[in-house]
Amino acid sequence: MFELIQLRCFVAVAEELHFGRASQRLNMTQPPLSRHIQVLERIMKVELFHRSSRSVKLTAAGMAFLPEARRVVHLADSAIATARAAAEGKQGLVSLGFTAASGYSFLPRFIANAQQAAPDVRFVLKEMVSGEQLDSLLAGRIDLGFLRPPVRHPDLQSLPVLRERFIVCSPASVPEADRPRRLADFDNLPFIMYAPDKARYFHDLLVGLFTGARAEPRHVQYLAQIHTILMLVGAGHGYALVPESSRRLHPDGVVFSEMEEAEPVVELHAAWTRDADNPALLALVPRLEELCSSD
């Protein structure tokens, strides 16, 4: 069976129709080039070139063989390029876990930035709560997670990627003058609270904020998903506090307003395993750090 180097030599001579130019193109001397062609002809048991002291021409067999030889050489070059791109993280697959709220602003921006830098990297998106993401990272089911802190595990590495404020969600039927503006204004108001089991990060965060403000809202529902909370606010069931990126949802019957003296306390972290060996993921981490530093 012939070797790839022999096909490369044949294609070069067939396209140049000159052994000297073909040897220069392949960065080799002319004698080994001629030997490769001779060996190829012996293996194939056909003559590929008519040679004379003044010209080199393809035989009928050589003309028929050239398109197939080009195709094999192209496939080999493509395979090499694909392997190198995968090793450099320019091509591949990244399985990405994310919380629903992170998909409102940061996730689309990150993916757009990543695909601009590495258009051949494909993402598989998996919506998960933060606890499920931690388990999936450790089990190798996802490569990267966008989740709520804390990320406390010796096998995980994390990076804060977003900090944002809480904003007030009021039913549109409530006059502007009656809408809460400070944490203390929520005292005894009907409030749609985050569930302590499925949305513990937000639940504990708000409990701490209300305790510090000496406010005790009346919790009328405990829910995990922000879009469901907003639906109930729009139906007039009570008030809520959501991350400011939730404005992008544009729910009917809900008015968003800034909360006075609100600090950016809502955090989103990126996490991945310390021994991660996915080149596509490892190439994305500097892009992720760069994106965070630009905010």
C-alpha atoms as a PDB file:
ATOM      1  CA  MET A   1       0.000   0.000   0.000  1.00  0.00           C
ATOM      2  CA  PHE A   2       1.299   3.463  -0.813  1.00  0.00           C
ATOM      3  CA  GLU A   3       2.118   6.073   1.823  1.00  0.00           C
ATOM      4  CA  LEU A   4       0.855   9.626   2.244  1.00  0.00           C
ATOM      5  CA  ILE A   5       4.255  11.139   1.389  1.00  0.00           C
ATOM      6  CA  GLN A   6       4.145   9.379  -1.963  1.00  0.00           C
ATOM      7  CA  LEU A   7       0.729  10.880  -2.709  1.00  0.00           C
ATOM      8  CA  ARG A   8       1.974  14.337  -1.726  1.00  0.00           C
ATOM      9  CA  CYS A   9       4.911  13.958  -4.089  1.00  0.00           C
ATOM     10  CA  PHE A  10       2.682  12.772  -6.916  1.00  0.00           C
ATOM     11  CA  VAL A  11       0.235  15.678  -6.476  1.00  0.00           C
ATOM     12  CA  ALA A  12       3.074  18.218  -6.381  1.00  0.00           C
ATOM     13  CA  VAL A  13       4.683  16.900  -9.572  1.00  0.00           C
ATOM     14  CA  ALA A  14       1.289  16.544 -11.285  1.00  0.00           C
ATOM     15  CA  GLU A  15       0.414  20.163 -10.534  1.00  0.00           C
ATOM     16  CA  GLU A  16       3.845  21.624 -11.278  1.00  0.00           C
ATOM     17  CA  LEU A  17       4.731  19.264 -14.169  1.00  0.00           C
ATOM     18  CA  HIS A  18       8.311  19.904 -13.153  1.00  0.00           C
ATOM     19  CA  PHE A  19      10.374  17.866 -10.687  1.00  0.00           C
ATOM     20  CA  GLY A  20      12.550  20.815  -9.673  1.00  0.00           C
ATOM     21  CA  ARG A  21       9.629  23.088  -8.809  1.00  0.00           C
ATOM     22  CA  ALA A  22       7.813  20.225  -7.054  1.00  0.00           C
ATOM     23  CA  SER A  23      10.857  19.464  -4.891  1.00  0.00           C
ATOM     24  CA  GLN A  24      11.118  23.129  -3.887  1.00  0.00           C
ATOM     25  CA  ARG A  25       7.414  23.200  -3.041  1.00  0.00           C
ATOM     26  CA  LEU A  26       7.815  20.129  -0.818  1.00  0.00           C
ATOM     27  CA  ASN A  27      11.069  21.406   0.696  1.00  0.00           C
ATOM     28  CA  MET A  28      13.031  18.311  -0.345  1.00  0.00           C
ATOM     29  CA  THR A  29      15.750  17.512  -2.827  1.00  0.00           C
ATOM     30  CA  GLN A  30      14.898  16.075  -6.234  1.00  0.00           C
ATOM     31  CA  PRO A  31      16.351  12.526  -5.838  1.00  0.00           C
ATOM     32  CA  PRO A  32      14.060  11.430  -2.961  1.00  0.00           C
ATOM     33  CA  LEU A  33      11.104  13.009  -4.778  1.00  0.00           C
ATOM     34  CA  SER A  34      11.854  10.927  -7.858  1.00  0.00           C
ATOM     35  CA  ARG A  35      12.241   7.779  -5.730  1.00  0.00           C
ATOM     36  CA  HIS A  36       8.819   8.338  -4.100  1.00  0.00           C
ATOM     37  CA  ILE A  37       7.206   8.632  -7.530  1.00  0.00           C
ATOM     38  CA  GLN A  38       8.978   5.491  -8.746  1.00  0.00           C
ATOM     39  CA  VAL A  39       7.894   3.512  -5.679  1.00  0.00           C
ATOM     40  CA  LEU A  40       4.308   4.712  -6.116  1.00  0.00           C
ATOM     41  CA  GLU A  41       4.291   3.643  -9.768  1.00  0.00           C
ATOM     42  CA  ARG A  42       5.740   0.257  -8.823  1.00  0.00           C
ATOM     43  CA  ILE A  43       3.076  -0.258  -6.119  1.00  0.00           C
ATOM     44  CA  MET A  44       0.274   0.773  -8.466  1.00  0.00           C
ATOM     45  CA  LYS A  45       1.797  -1.095 -11.434  1.00  0.00           C
ATOM     46  CA  VAL A  46       1.058   1.847 -13.744  1.00  0.00           C
ATOM     47  CA  GLU A  47       3.082   4.666 -15.221  1.00  0.00           C
ATOM     48  CA  LEU A  48       1.862   8.031 -13.926  1.00  0.00           C
ATOM     49  CA  PHE A  49       4.106  10.396 -15.934  1.00  0.00           C
ATOM     50  CA  HIS A  50       5.621  10.619 -19.376  1.00  0.00           C
ATOM     51  CA  ARG A  51       9.132  11.924 -18.723  1.00  0.00           C
ATOM     52  CA  SER A  52      11.540  13.415 -21.203  1.00  0.00           C
ATOM     53  CA  SER A  53      14.582  15.642 -20.940  1.00  0.00           C
ATOM     54  CA  ARG A  54      12.401  18.657 -21.731  1.00  0.00           C
ATOM     55  CA  SER A  55       8.948  17.924 -20.242  1.00  0.00           C
ATOM     56  CA  VAL A  56       6.867  16.007 -17.737  1.00  0.00           C
ATOM     57  CA  LYS A  57       3.301  15.040 -18.641  1.00  0.00           C
ATOM     58  CA  LEU A  58       0.621  13.015 -16.933  1.00  0.00           C
ATOM     59  CA  THR A  59      -0.335   9.701 -18.443  1.00  0.00           C
ATOM     60  CA  ALA A  60      -3.991   8.712 -18.759  1.00  0.00           C
ATOM     61  CA  ALA A  61      -3.590   6.746 -15.517  1.00  0.00           C
ATOM     62  CA  GLY A  62      -1.988   9.761 -13.840  1.00  0.00           C
ATOM     63  CA  MET A  63      -4.805  12.082 -14.933  1.00  0.00           C
ATOM     64  CA  ALA A  64      -7.409   9.642 -13.586  1.00  0.00           C
ATOM     65  CA  PHE A  65      -5.503   9.199 -10.333  1.00  0.00           C
ATOM     66  CA  LEU A  66      -4.906  12.916  -9.626  1.00  0.00           C
ATOM     67  CA  PRO A  67      -8.406  13.886  -8.331  1.00  0.00           C
ATOM     68  CA  GLU A  68      -8.462  10.925  -5.943  1.00  0.00           C
ATOM     69  CA  ALA A  69      -4.919  11.612  -4.758  1.00  0.00           C
ATOM     70  CA  ARG A  70      -5.826  15.248  -4.119  1.00  0.00           C
ATOM     71  CA  ARG A  71      -8.875  14.149  -2.131  1.00  0.00           C
ATOM     72  CA  VAL A  72      -6.846  11.808   0.092  1.00  0.00           C
ATOM     73  CA  VAL A  73      -4.183  14.474   0.712  1.00  0.00           C
ATOM     74  CA  HIS A  74      -6.882  17.025   1.510  1.00  0.00           C
ATOM     75  CA  LEU A  75      -8.573  14.632   3.955  1.00  0.00           C
ATOM     76  CA  ALA A  76      -5.255  13.971   5.666  1.00  0.00           C
ATOM     77  CA  ASP A  77      -4.486  17.689   5.950  1.00  0.00           C
ATOM     78  CA  SER A  78      -7.995  18.332   7.242  1.00  0.00           C
ATOM     79  CA  ALA A  79      -7.650  15.580   9.845  1.00  0.00           C
ATOM     80  CA  ILE A  80      -4.353  17.040  11.036  1.00  0.00           C
ATOM     81  CA  ALA A  81      -5.832  20.548  11.232  1.00  0.00           C
ATOM     82  CA  THR A  82      -8.842  19.231  13.142  1.00  0.00           C
ATOM     83  CA  ALA A  83      -6.640  17.427  15.657  1.00  0.00           C
ATOM     84  CA  ARG A  84      -4.467  20.514  16.174  1.00  0.00           C
ATOM     85  CA  ALA A  85      -7.519  22.758  16.579  1.00  0.00           C
ATOM     86  CA  ALA A  86      -8.957  20.393  19.184  1.00  0.00           C
ATOM     87  CA  ALA A  87      -5.654  20.257  21.069  1.00  0.00           C
ATOM     88  CA  GLU A  88      -5.497  24.069  21.086  1.00  0.00           C
ATOM     89  CA  GLY A  89      -9.109  24.426  22.243  1.00  0.00           C
ATOM     90  CA  LYS A  90     -10.226  26.048  18.992  1.00  0.00           C
ATOM     91  CA  GLN A  91     -12.619  23.210  18.288  1.00  0.00           C
ATOM     92  CA  GLY A  92     -14.588  20.888  20.528  1.00  0.00           C
ATOM     93  CA  LEU A  93     -17.548  20.586  22.844  1.00  0.00           C
ATOM     94  CA  VAL A  94     -18.209  22.307  26.184  1.00  0.00           C
ATOM     95  CA  SER A  95     -21.088  21.149  28.363  1.00  0.00           C
ATOM     96  CA  LEU A  96     -22.295  24.191  30.286  1.00  0.00           C
ATOM     97  CA  GLY A  97     -24.634  24.271  33.275  1.00  0.00           C
ATOM     98  CA  PHE A  98     -26.440  27.474  34.193  1.00  0.00           C
ATOM     99  CA  THR A  99     -29.116  28.803  36.493  1.00  0.00           C
ATOM    100  CA  ALA A 100     -32.185  30.244  34.814  1.00  0.00           C
ATOM    101  CA  ALA A 101     -31.429  33.757  36.058  1.00  0.00           C
ATOM    102  CA  SER A 102     -27.889  33.700  34.627  1.00  0.00           C
ATOM    103  CA  GLY A 103     -29.459  33.212  31.205  1.00  0.00           C
ATOM    104  CA  TYR A 104     -31.072  36.649  31.335  1.00  0.00           C
ATOM    105  CA  SER A 105     -27.870  38.604  30.746  1.00  0.00           C
ATOM    106  CA  PHE A 106     -24.454  37.074  31.394  1.00  0.00           C
ATOM    107  CA  LEU A 107     -24.825  33.721  29.643  1.00  0.00           C
ATOM    108  CA  PRO A 108     -25.783  35.129  26.206  1.00  0.00           C
ATOM    109  CA  ARG A 109     -22.955  37.668  26.427  1.00  0.00           C
ATOM    110  CA  PHE A 110     -20.421  35.004  27.371  1.00  0.00           C
ATOM    111  CA  ILE A 111     -21.440  32.640  24.584  1.00  0.00           C
ATOM    112  CA  ALA A 112     -21.379  35.427  21.978  1.00  0.00           C
ATOM    113  CA  ASN A 113     -17.892  36.424  23.138  1.00  0.00           C
ATOM    114  CA  ALA A 114     -16.658  32.817  23.162  1.00  0.00           C
ATOM    115  CA  GLN A 115     -18.033  31.998  19.718  1.00  0.00           C
ATOM    116  CA  GLN A 116     -16.442  35.101  18.267  1.00  0.00           C
ATOM    117  CA  ALA A 117     -13.068  33.883  19.547  1.00  0.00           C
ATOM    118  CA  ALA A 118     -13.606  30.182  18.777  1.00  0.00           C
ATOM    119  CA  PRO A 119     -16.490  29.703  16.318  1.00  0.00           C
ATOM    120  CA  ASP A 120     -15.887  25.943  16.063  1.00  0.00           C
ATOM    121  CA  VAL A 121     -16.436  25.318  19.785  1.00  0.00           C
ATOM    122  CA  ARG A 122     -19.954  24.030  20.398  1.00  0.00           C
ATOM    123  CA  PHE A 123     -21.873  24.472  23.662  1.00  0.00           C
ATOM    124  CA  VAL A 124     -24.361  22.037  25.137  1.00  0.00           C
ATOM    125  CA  LEU A 125     -26.503  24.053  27.569  1.00  0.00           C
ATOM    126  CA  LYS A 126     -28.073  22.452  30.628  1.00  0.00           C
ATOM    127  CA  GLU A 127     -30.341  24.481  32.906  1.00  0.00           C
ATOM    128  CA  MET A 128     -29.732  23.414  36.514  1.00  0.00           C
ATOM    129  CA  VAL A 129     -30.036  24.808  40.018  1.00  0.00           C
ATOM    130  CA  SER A 130     -26.715  25.546  41.698  1.00  0.00           C
ATOM    131  CA  GLY A 131     -26.611  22.400  43.839  1.00  0.00           C
ATOM    132  CA  GLU A 132     -27.195  20.182  40.831  1.00  0.00           C
ATOM    133  CA  GLN A 133     -24.423  21.979  38.970  1.00  0.00           C
ATOM    134  CA  LEU A 134     -21.951  21.284  41.773  1.00  0.00           C
ATOM    135  CA  ASP A 135     -22.801  17.583  41.703  1.00  0.00           C
ATOM    136  CA  SER A 136     -22.582  17.500  37.891  1.00  0.00           C
ATOM    137  CA  LEU A 137     -19.197  19.223  37.847  1.00  0.00           C
ATOM    138  CA  LEU A 138     -17.737  16.739  40.311  1.00  0.00           C
ATOM    139  CA  ALA A 139     -19.256  13.802  38.416  1.00  0.00           C
ATOM    140  CA  GLY A 140     -17.952  15.079  35.060  1.00  0.00           C
ATOM    141  CA  ARG A 141     -21.410  15.555  33.552  1.00  0.00           C
ATOM    142  CA  ILE A 142     -20.715  19.226  32.777  1.00  0.00           C
ATOM    143  CA  ASP A 143     -17.465  21.086  32.055  1.00  0.00           C
ATOM    144  CA  LEU A 144     -18.423  24.547  33.267  1.00  0.00           C
ATOM    145  CA  GLY A 145     -21.117  25.910  35.540  1.00  0.00           C
ATOM    146  CA  PHE A 146     -22.632  29.347  36.108  1.00  0.00           C
ATOM    147  CA  LEU A 147     -24.052  29.111  39.593  1.00  0.00           C
ATOM    148  CA  ARG A 148     -24.666  30.905  42.865  1.00  0.00           C
ATOM    149  CA  PRO A 149     -22.039  30.921  45.612  1.00  0.00           C
ATOM    150  CA  PRO A 150     -20.606  29.555  47.741  1.00  0.00           C
ATOM    151  CA  VAL A 151     -18.425  27.198  45.722  1.00  0.00           C
ATOM    152  CA  ARG A 152     -16.552  25.370  48.463  1.00  0.00           C
ATOM    153  CA  HIS A 153     -14.926  22.186  47.295  1.00  0.00           C
ATOM    154  CA  PRO A 154     -11.193  21.445  47.014  1.00  0.00           C
ATOM    155  CA  ASP A 155     -11.658  19.907  43.552  1.00  0.00           C
ATOM    156  CA  LEU A 156     -13.371  22.981  42.101  1.00  0.00           C
ATOM    157  CA  GLN A 157     -12.029  26.291  40.909  1.00  0.00           C
ATOM    158  CA  SER A 158     -14.322  29.299  40.678  1.00  0.00           C
ATOM    159  CA  LEU A 159     -14.415  32.880  39.504  1.00  0.00           C
ATOM    160  CA  PRO A 160     -16.948  35.641  40.280  1.00  0.00           C
ATOM    161  CA  VAL A 161     -18.377  36.726  36.941  1.00  0.00           C
ATOM    162  CA  LEU A 162     -21.268  39.025  37.849  1.00  0.00           C
ATOM    163  CA  ARG A 163     -22.513  41.182  40.707  1.00  0.00           C
ATOM    164  CA  GLU A 164     -25.863  42.939  40.496  1.00  0.00           C
ATOM    165  CA  ARG A 165     -28.448  44.688  42.634  1.00  0.00           C
ATOM    166  CA  PHE A 166     -31.903  43.636  43.686  1.00  0.00           C
ATOM    167  CA  ILE A 167     -34.711  45.661  42.133  1.00  0.00           C
ATOM    168  CA  VAL A 168     -38.285  46.031  43.358  1.00  0.00           C
ATOM    169  CA  CYS A 169     -41.142  44.282  41.552  1.00  0.00           C
ATOM    170  CA  SER A 170     -44.570  45.767  42.195  1.00  0.00           C
ATOM    171  CA  PRO A 171     -47.974  44.988  40.684  1.00  0.00           C
ATOM    172  CA  ALA A 172     -48.779  47.575  38.025  1.00  0.00           C
ATOM    173  CA  SER A 173     -52.046  48.273  39.856  1.00  0.00           C
ATOM    174  CA  VAL A 174     -50.159  49.786  42.814  1.00  0.00           C
ATOM    175  CA  PRO A 175     -49.771  53.592  42.532  1.00  0.00           C
ATOM    176  CA  GLU A 176     -46.168  54.768  42.214  1.00  0.00           C
ATOM    177  CA  ALA A 177     -46.288  56.614  45.535  1.00  0.00           C
ATOM    178  CA  ASP A 178     -47.233  53.405  47.351  1.00  0.00           C
ATOM    179  CA  ARG A 179     -44.489  51.193  45.925  1.00  0.00           C
ATOM    180  CA  PRO A 180     -41.687  50.184  48.340  1.00  0.00           C
ATOM    181  CA  ARG A 181     -38.383  51.940  47.820  1.00  0.00           C
ATOM    182  CA  ARG A 182     -36.290  50.696  50.746  1.00  0.00           C
ATOM    183  CA  LEU A 183     -35.961  47.376  52.491  1.00  0.00           C
ATOM    184  CA  ALA A 184     -37.766  48.776  55.528  1.00  0.00           C
ATOM    185  CA  ASP A 185     -40.801  49.577  53.357  1.00  0.00           C
ATOM    186  CA  PHE A 186     -41.457  45.854  52.874  1.00  0.00           C
ATOM    187  CA  ASP A 187     -42.390  45.425  56.540  1.00  0.00           C
ATOM    188  CA  ASN A 188     -45.789  43.653  56.698  1.00  0.00           C
ATOM    189  CA  LEU A 189     -46.243  43.817  52.900  1.00  0.00           C
ATOM    190  CA  PRO A 190     -47.297  40.674  51.009  1.00  0.00           C
ATOM    191  CA  PHE A 191     -44.069  39.258  49.634  1.00  0.00           C
ATOM    192  CA  ILE A 192     -43.326  36.408  47.238  1.00  0.00           C
ATOM    193  CA  MET A 193     -40.276  34.749  48.747  1.00  0.00           C
ATOM    194  CA  TYR A 194     -37.682  32.380  47.323  1.00  0.00           C
ATOM    195  CA  ALA A 195     -38.039  28.759  48.404  1.00  0.00           C
ATOM    196  CA  PRO A 196     -35.492  27.810  51.087  1.00  0.00           C
ATOM    197  CA  ASP A 197     -34.829  24.392  49.527  1.00  0.00           C
ATOM    198  CA  LYS A 198     -34.662  25.069  45.778  1.00  0.00           C
ATOM    199  CA  ALA A 199     -33.519  28.718  45.840  1.00  0.00           C
ATOM    200  CA  ARG A 200     -31.567  28.803  49.066  1.00  0.00           C
ATOM    201  CA  TYR A 201     -29.031  31.375  47.914  1.00  0.00           C
ATOM    202  CA  PHE A 202     -31.702  34.012  47.250  1.00  0.00           C
ATOM    203  CA  HIS A 203     -33.746  32.976  50.291  1.00  0.00           C
ATOM    204  CA  ASP A 204     -30.834  33.346  52.721  1.00  0.00           C
ATOM    205  CA  LEU A 205     -29.666  36.560  51.084  1.00  0.00           C
ATOM    206  CA  LEU A 206     -33.056  38.241  51.483  1.00  0.00           C
ATOM    207  CA  VAL A 207     -33.544  36.945  55.023  1.00  0.00           C
ATOM    208  CA  GLY A 208     -30.255  38.605  55.954  1.00  0.00           C
ATOM    209  CA  LEU A 209     -31.155  41.869  54.218  1.00  0.00           C
ATOM    210  CA  PHE A 210     -34.600  42.093  55.796  1.00  0.00           C
ATOM    211  CA  THR A 211     -33.222  41.222  59.219  1.00  0.00           C
ATOM    212  CA  GLY A 212     -30.662  43.998  58.930  1.00  0.00           C
ATOM    213  CA  ALA A 213     -33.405  46.449  57.909  1.00  0.00           C
ATOM    214  CA  ARG A 214     -35.721  45.203  60.701  1.00  0.00           C
ATOM    215  CA  ALA A 215     -38.436  44.433  58.185  1.00  0.00           C
ATOM    216  CA  GLU A 216     -40.739  41.426  58.259  1.00  0.00           C
ATOM    217  CA  PRO A 217     -42.667  40.973  55.013  1.00  0.00           C
ATOM    218  CA  ARG A 218     -45.630  38.588  54.945  1.00  0.00           C
ATOM    219  CA  HIS A 219     -44.525  35.649  52.831  1.00  0.00           C
ATOM    220  CA  VAL A 220     -47.501  34.640  50.700  1.00  0.00           C
ATOM    221  CA  GLN A 221     -45.654  32.112  48.508  1.00  0.00           C
ATOM    222  CA  TYR A 222     -42.270  30.363  48.397  1.00  0.00           C
ATOM    223  CA  LEU A 223     -41.045  29.809  44.830  1.00  0.00           C
ATOM    224  CA  ALA A 224     -37.797  28.881  43.108  1.00  0.00           C
ATOM    225  CA  GLN A 225     -38.008  30.372  39.603  1.00  0.00           C
ATOM    226  CA  ILE A 226     -37.880  34.110  38.999  1.00  0.00           C
ATOM    227  CA  HIS A 227     -40.244  34.027  36.031  1.00  0.00           C
ATOM    228  CA  THR A 228     -42.874  32.325  38.216  1.00  0.00           C
ATOM    229  CA  ILE A 229     -42.377  34.921  40.949  1.00  0.00           C
ATOM    230  CA  LEU A 230     -42.890  37.694  38.401  1.00  0.00           C
ATOM    231  CA  MET A 231     -46.052  36.028  37.111  1.00  0.00           C
ATOM    232  CA  LEU A 232     -47.543  36.139  40.609  1.00  0.00           C
ATOM    233  CA  VAL A 233     -46.483  39.756  41.083  1.00  0.00           C
ATOM    234  CA  GLY A 234     -48.193  40.612  37.818  1.00  0.00           C
ATOM    235  CA  ALA A 235     -51.336  38.864  39.068  1.00  0.00           C
ATOM    236  CA  GLY A 236     -51.336  41.121  42.135  1.00  0.00           C
ATOM    237  CA  HIS A 237     -50.387  38.519  44.758  1.00  0.00           C
ATOM    238  CA  GLY A 238     -47.607  40.597  46.288  1.00  0.00           C
ATOM    239  CA  TYR A 239     -44.200  42.218  45.860  1.00  0.00           C
ATOM    240  CA  ALA A 240     -40.807  40.691  45.130  1.00  0.00           C
ATOM    241  CA  LEU A 241     -37.126  41.480  44.857  1.00  0.00           C
ATOM    242  CA  VAL A 242     -35.269  40.080  41.844  1.00  0.00           C
ATOM    243  CA  PRO A 243     -31.820  40.590  40.270  1.00  0.00           C
ATOM    244  CA  GLU A 244     -31.738  43.629  38.020  1.00  0.00           C
ATOM    245  CA  SER A 245     -31.047  41.522  34.917  1.00  0.00           C
ATOM    246  CA  SER A 246     -34.606  40.184  35.290  1.00  0.00           C
ATOM    247  CA  ARG A 247     -35.836  43.378  33.616  1.00  0.00           C
ATOM    248  CA  ARG A 248     -35.164  41.608  30.325  1.00  0.00           C
ATOM    249  CA  LEU A 249     -38.170  39.338  30.901  1.00  0.00           C
ATOM    250  CA  HIS A 250     -40.708  42.179  30.431  1.00  0.00           C
ATOM    251  CA  PRO A 251     -43.561  40.443  32.312  1.00  0.00           C
ATOM    252  CA  ASP A 252     -47.091  41.796  31.965  1.00  0.00           C
ATOM    253  CA  GLY A 253     -48.541  43.624  34.949  1.00  0.00           C
ATOM    254  CA  VAL A 254     -45.170  44.129  36.689  1.00  0.00           C
ATOM    255  CA  VAL A 255     -43.407  47.430  37.332  1.00  0.00           C
ATOM    256  CA  PHE A 256     -39.680  47.378  38.073  1.00  0.00           C
ATOM    257  CA  SER A 257     -38.177  50.132  40.194  1.00  0.00           C
ATOM    258  CA  GLU A 258     -34.825  50.842  41.761  1.00  0.00           C
ATOM    259  CA  MET A 259     -34.374  50.288  45.459  1.00  0.00           C
ATOM    260  CA  GLU A 260     -32.765  53.179  47.331  1.00  0.00           C
ATOM    261  CA  GLU A 261     -29.190  52.600  48.511  1.00  0.00           C
ATOM    262  CA  ALA A 262     -29.148  49.097  47.024  1.00  0.00           C
ATOM    263  CA  GLU A 263     -25.738  47.454  46.853  1.00  0.00           C
ATOM    264  CA  PRO A 264     -24.713  44.862  44.232  1.00  0.00           C
ATOM    265  CA  VAL A 265     -25.053  41.828  46.485  1.00  0.00           C
ATOM    266  CA  VAL A 266     -26.333  39.196  44.033  1.00  0.00           C
ATOM    267  CA  GLU A 267     -23.383  37.173  42.750  1.00  0.00           C
ATOM    268  CA  LEU A 268     -22.893  34.683  39.945  1.00  0.00           C
ATOM    269  CA  HIS A 269     -19.804  32.478  39.815  1.00  0.00           C
ATOM    270  CA  ALA A 270     -18.245  30.328  37.117  1.00  0.00           C
ATOM    271  CA  ALA A 271     -16.889  26.986  38.304  1.00  0.00           C
ATOM    272  CA  TRP A 272     -14.929  24.115  36.782  1.00  0.00           C
ATOM    273  CA  THR A 273     -12.831  21.241  38.109  1.00  0.00           C
ATOM    274  CA  ARG A 274      -9.172  21.900  38.915  1.00  0.00           C
ATOM    275  CA  ASP A 275      -8.055  18.865  36.907  1.00  0.00           C
ATOM    276  CA  ALA A 276     -10.167  19.747  33.858  1.00  0.00           C
ATOM    277  CA  ASP A 277      -8.501  18.449  30.690  1.00  0.00           C
ATOM    278  CA  ASN A 278     -10.966  19.627  28.033  1.00  0.00           C
ATOM    279  CA  PRO A 279      -8.816  21.914  25.809  1.00  0.00           C
ATOM    280  CA  ALA A 280     -11.889  23.832  24.628  1.00  0.00           C
ATOM    281  CA  LEU A 281     -12.799  24.647  28.224  1.00  0.00           C
ATOM    282  CA  LEU A 282      -9.238  25.571  29.214  1.00  0.00           C
ATOM    283  CA  ALA A 283      -9.007  27.943  26.244  1.00  0.00           C
ATOM    284  CA  LEU A 284     -12.251  29.617  27.350  1.00  0.00           C
ATOM    285  CA  VAL A 285     -11.122  30.412  30.893  1.00  0.00           C
ATOM    286  CA  PRO A 286      -8.883  33.361  29.859  1.00  0.00           C
ATOM    287  CA  ARG A 287     -11.763  34.713  27.753  1.00  0.00           C
ATOM    288  CA  LEU A 288     -14.014  34.405  30.765  1.00  0.00           C
ATOM    289  CA  GLU A 289     -11.522  36.266  32.968  1.00  0.00           C
ATOM    290  CA  GLU A 290     -11.120  38.964  30.321  1.00  0.00           C
ATOM    291  CA  LEU A 291     -14.888  39.385  30.000  1.00  0.00           C
ATOM    292  CA  CYS A 292     -15.273  39.765  33.779  1.00  0.00           C
ATOM    293  CA  SER A 293     -12.445  42.284  34.058  1.00  0.00           C
ATOM    294  CA  SER A 294     -14.041  44.455  31.373  1.00  0.00           C
ATOM    295  CA  ASP A 295     -17.299  44.863  33.342  1.00  0.00           C
END
